[in-house]
Every structure is written in structure tokens, then in C-alpha cells.
Protein backbone atom coordinates (compact mmCIF):
# COMPACT_ATOMS: atom_id res chain seq x y z
CA MET A 1 -11.73 -38.71 -34.62
CA HIS A 2 -13.34 -37.24 -31.47
CA LYS A 3 -13.22 -40.60 -29.71
CA TRP A 4 -9.46 -40.75 -30.30
CA LEU A 5 -9.01 -37.20 -28.93
CA MET A 6 -11.04 -37.95 -25.77
CA SER A 7 -9.02 -41.14 -25.16
CA ALA A 8 -5.76 -39.22 -25.49
CA LEU A 9 -6.92 -36.48 -23.09
CA LEU A 10 -8.12 -39.05 -20.56
CA THR A 11 -4.78 -40.89 -20.74
CA ILE A 12 -2.86 -37.63 -20.22
CA ALA A 13 -5.08 -36.67 -17.25
CA CYS A 14 -4.53 -40.09 -15.65
CA ALA A 15 -0.78 -39.85 -16.18
CA MET A 16 -0.74 -36.38 -14.56
CA GLY A 17 -2.74 -37.72 -11.60
CA VAL A 18 -0.30 -40.60 -11.08
CA TYR A 19 2.62 -38.17 -11.33
CA LEU A 20 1.15 -35.84 -8.69
CA LEU A 21 0.44 -38.73 -6.35
CA ALA A 22 3.96 -40.10 -6.77
CA THR A 23 5.76 -36.78 -6.23
CA GLY A 24 3.44 -35.45 -3.56
CA LEU A 25 1.69 -32.14 -3.38
CA PRO A 26 3.44 -29.16 -1.83
CA GLU A 27 2.96 -28.80 1.90
CA LYS A 28 0.74 -26.11 3.32
CA PRO A 29 2.66 -23.01 4.35
CA LYS A 30 3.58 -23.14 8.02
CA ASP A 31 1.84 -20.63 10.25
CA GLU A 32 4.74 -18.65 11.70
CA ALA A 33 2.61 -17.44 14.59
CA SER A 34 2.35 -21.02 15.90
CA ASP A 35 6.02 -20.88 16.98
CA LEU A 36 5.43 -17.90 19.25
CA LYS A 37 5.40 -18.10 23.04
CA GLU A 38 2.34 -16.91 24.93
CA GLY A 39 2.16 -13.11 24.81
CA GLN A 40 4.89 -12.89 22.16
CA GLU A 41 4.37 -11.06 18.88
CA LEU A 42 5.98 -11.55 15.47
CA LEU A 43 7.77 -8.73 13.66
CA LYS A 44 8.90 -9.37 10.08
CA ILE A 45 11.51 -7.17 8.43
CA LYS A 46 12.22 -7.67 4.73
CA ALA A 47 14.99 -6.04 2.76
CA THR A 48 15.38 -5.61 -0.96
CA ASN A 49 17.89 -3.59 -2.93
CA TYR A 50 18.33 -0.39 -0.92
CA ASN A 51 14.94 -0.51 0.83
CA PHE A 52 13.19 -2.06 3.78
CA ASP A 53 9.60 -3.19 3.19
CA GLU A 54 8.21 -0.47 5.49
CA ALA A 55 9.20 3.15 6.08
CA GLU A 56 8.28 2.85 9.77
CA TYR A 57 8.03 -0.12 12.12
CA HIS A 58 5.90 0.31 15.25
CA VAL A 59 6.25 -1.90 18.33
CA LYS A 60 4.83 -1.73 21.87
CA ALA A 61 7.16 -1.12 24.79
CA GLY A 62 7.27 -4.02 27.24
CA THR A 63 6.06 -6.61 24.71
CA ASN A 64 8.28 -9.53 23.79
CA TYR A 65 8.87 -9.83 20.03
CA LYS A 66 10.30 -12.51 17.81
CA ILE A 67 11.96 -10.64 14.94
CA LYS A 68 12.44 -12.44 11.62
CA PHE A 69 14.64 -10.84 8.98
CA SER A 70 14.80 -11.83 5.31
CA ASN A 71 16.36 -10.59 2.09
CA THR A 72 14.24 -10.63 -1.03
CA LEU A 73 16.90 -9.12 -3.30
CA GLY A 74 20.54 -8.37 -2.58
CA LYS A 75 22.65 -9.04 0.50
CA HIS A 76 21.57 -6.95 3.46
CA GLY A 77 21.50 -6.88 7.23
CA VAL A 78 19.59 -4.75 9.71
CA GLU A 79 20.76 -2.79 12.72
CA ILE A 80 18.51 -0.83 15.04
CA VAL A 81 20.80 1.84 16.44
CA GLY A 82 20.52 2.23 20.21
CA LEU A 83 18.56 -0.98 20.84
CA ASP A 84 21.34 -3.56 20.40
CA VAL A 85 19.49 -5.35 17.59
CA GLU A 86 21.43 -6.69 14.61
CA LEU A 87 20.20 -9.32 12.16
CA SER A 88 21.54 -10.78 8.91
CA ALA A 89 21.15 -13.84 6.69
CA ASP A 90 23.49 -15.70 9.07
CA ALA A 91 21.42 -14.76 12.16
CA PRO A 92 17.91 -14.00 10.82
CA GLU A 93 15.92 -14.34 14.07
CA MET A 94 16.05 -12.89 17.55
CA GLU A 95 13.79 -12.47 20.56
CA VAL A 96 13.76 -9.08 22.26
CA THR A 97 11.63 -6.95 24.59
CA PHE A 98 11.84 -3.25 23.84
CA ASP A 99 11.82 -1.30 27.13
CA LYS A 100 12.88 2.19 26.03
CA PRO A 101 10.13 4.12 24.15
CA GLY A 102 11.38 6.40 21.42
CA THR A 103 12.21 6.69 17.73
CA TYR A 104 15.30 4.85 16.54
CA GLU A 105 17.14 4.63 13.23
CA MET A 106 17.09 1.29 11.49
CA LYS A 107 19.75 0.87 8.83
CA CYS A 108 21.41 -1.74 6.64
CA SER A 109 24.41 -3.20 8.45
CA ILE A 110 26.10 -4.82 5.42
CA MET A 111 27.68 -2.74 2.66
CA CYS A 112 25.29 -3.55 -0.17
CA GLY A 113 26.21 -1.13 -2.93
CA THR A 114 25.57 2.40 -4.09
CA GLY A 115 22.27 2.83 -2.22
CA HIS A 116 23.62 1.55 1.11
CA GLY A 117 23.83 4.99 2.71
CA THR A 118 20.14 5.73 2.09
CA MET A 119 18.84 2.34 3.18
CA THR A 120 17.19 3.44 6.41
CA SER A 121 13.83 3.21 8.13
CA LYS A 122 12.34 4.43 11.41
CA PHE A 123 11.80 2.07 14.32
CA ILE A 124 9.29 3.43 16.83
CA VAL A 125 8.81 1.96 20.29
CA GLU A 126 5.51 3.23 21.68
């Protein structure tokens, strides 16, 4: 009885191995920092229903940033008032150098529902 069970398990393991080789393993996640220019920094902004992933975003004045925006839940956009930055699912990336230090309001730029008016965060250029 045990010999039959071991043969069955070995056959299943071999079949799984052949399946994985035929379909391929998933690729390693791409390092997003490898796409950056020399001296450029990456800033990720994620939105979910009525919230951004951070209450405050801090950036350095004079530094060039590549901003990547993504939605994890809902349909949102982001606007940084006074800095001419607006991102959405249609235009999720932008390169910008922040020259004016200060604290700016970051808000959702797409009407997303009942919590739209409170979907804000601070954007601080130091």
C-alpha cells in the first residue's frame, strides 16, 4: 500500500515540475529605481478609497523626482495645489523638480464618492 502511495506522489511531483517548466516561473519584480536618471529620486503616491498612503509627503527642494501614482482601490487622481502637478490612471508618471519650499495641499482630483472632500494630504518641499 505504501509503495503505491509513494509512486502516486512521485508522479504528481513530476507532473507539477513539467507544468512549471512549460508555463515558466514568474519574473522577478523589476527594480523601479533602475529607471531613474543620475541624481533623480523616486516618489510613489498610492491612493485607496478616500485616502492617500501617507499623511505627509516630504521632498527636497532642487532635487529632480520621478513621481509614480497608482490606485489600489477606487478611481482617484492626485493634484498638488500650487505646484502644477496632476496625475491620474491615464497619466500615472511625471518628472518634476520642486523649486519652491513650503507646505502644499495634495488632494484627489477625480470625484470619487462621498469621501472625496476629505481625501487630502500634505506635500512638504523642504
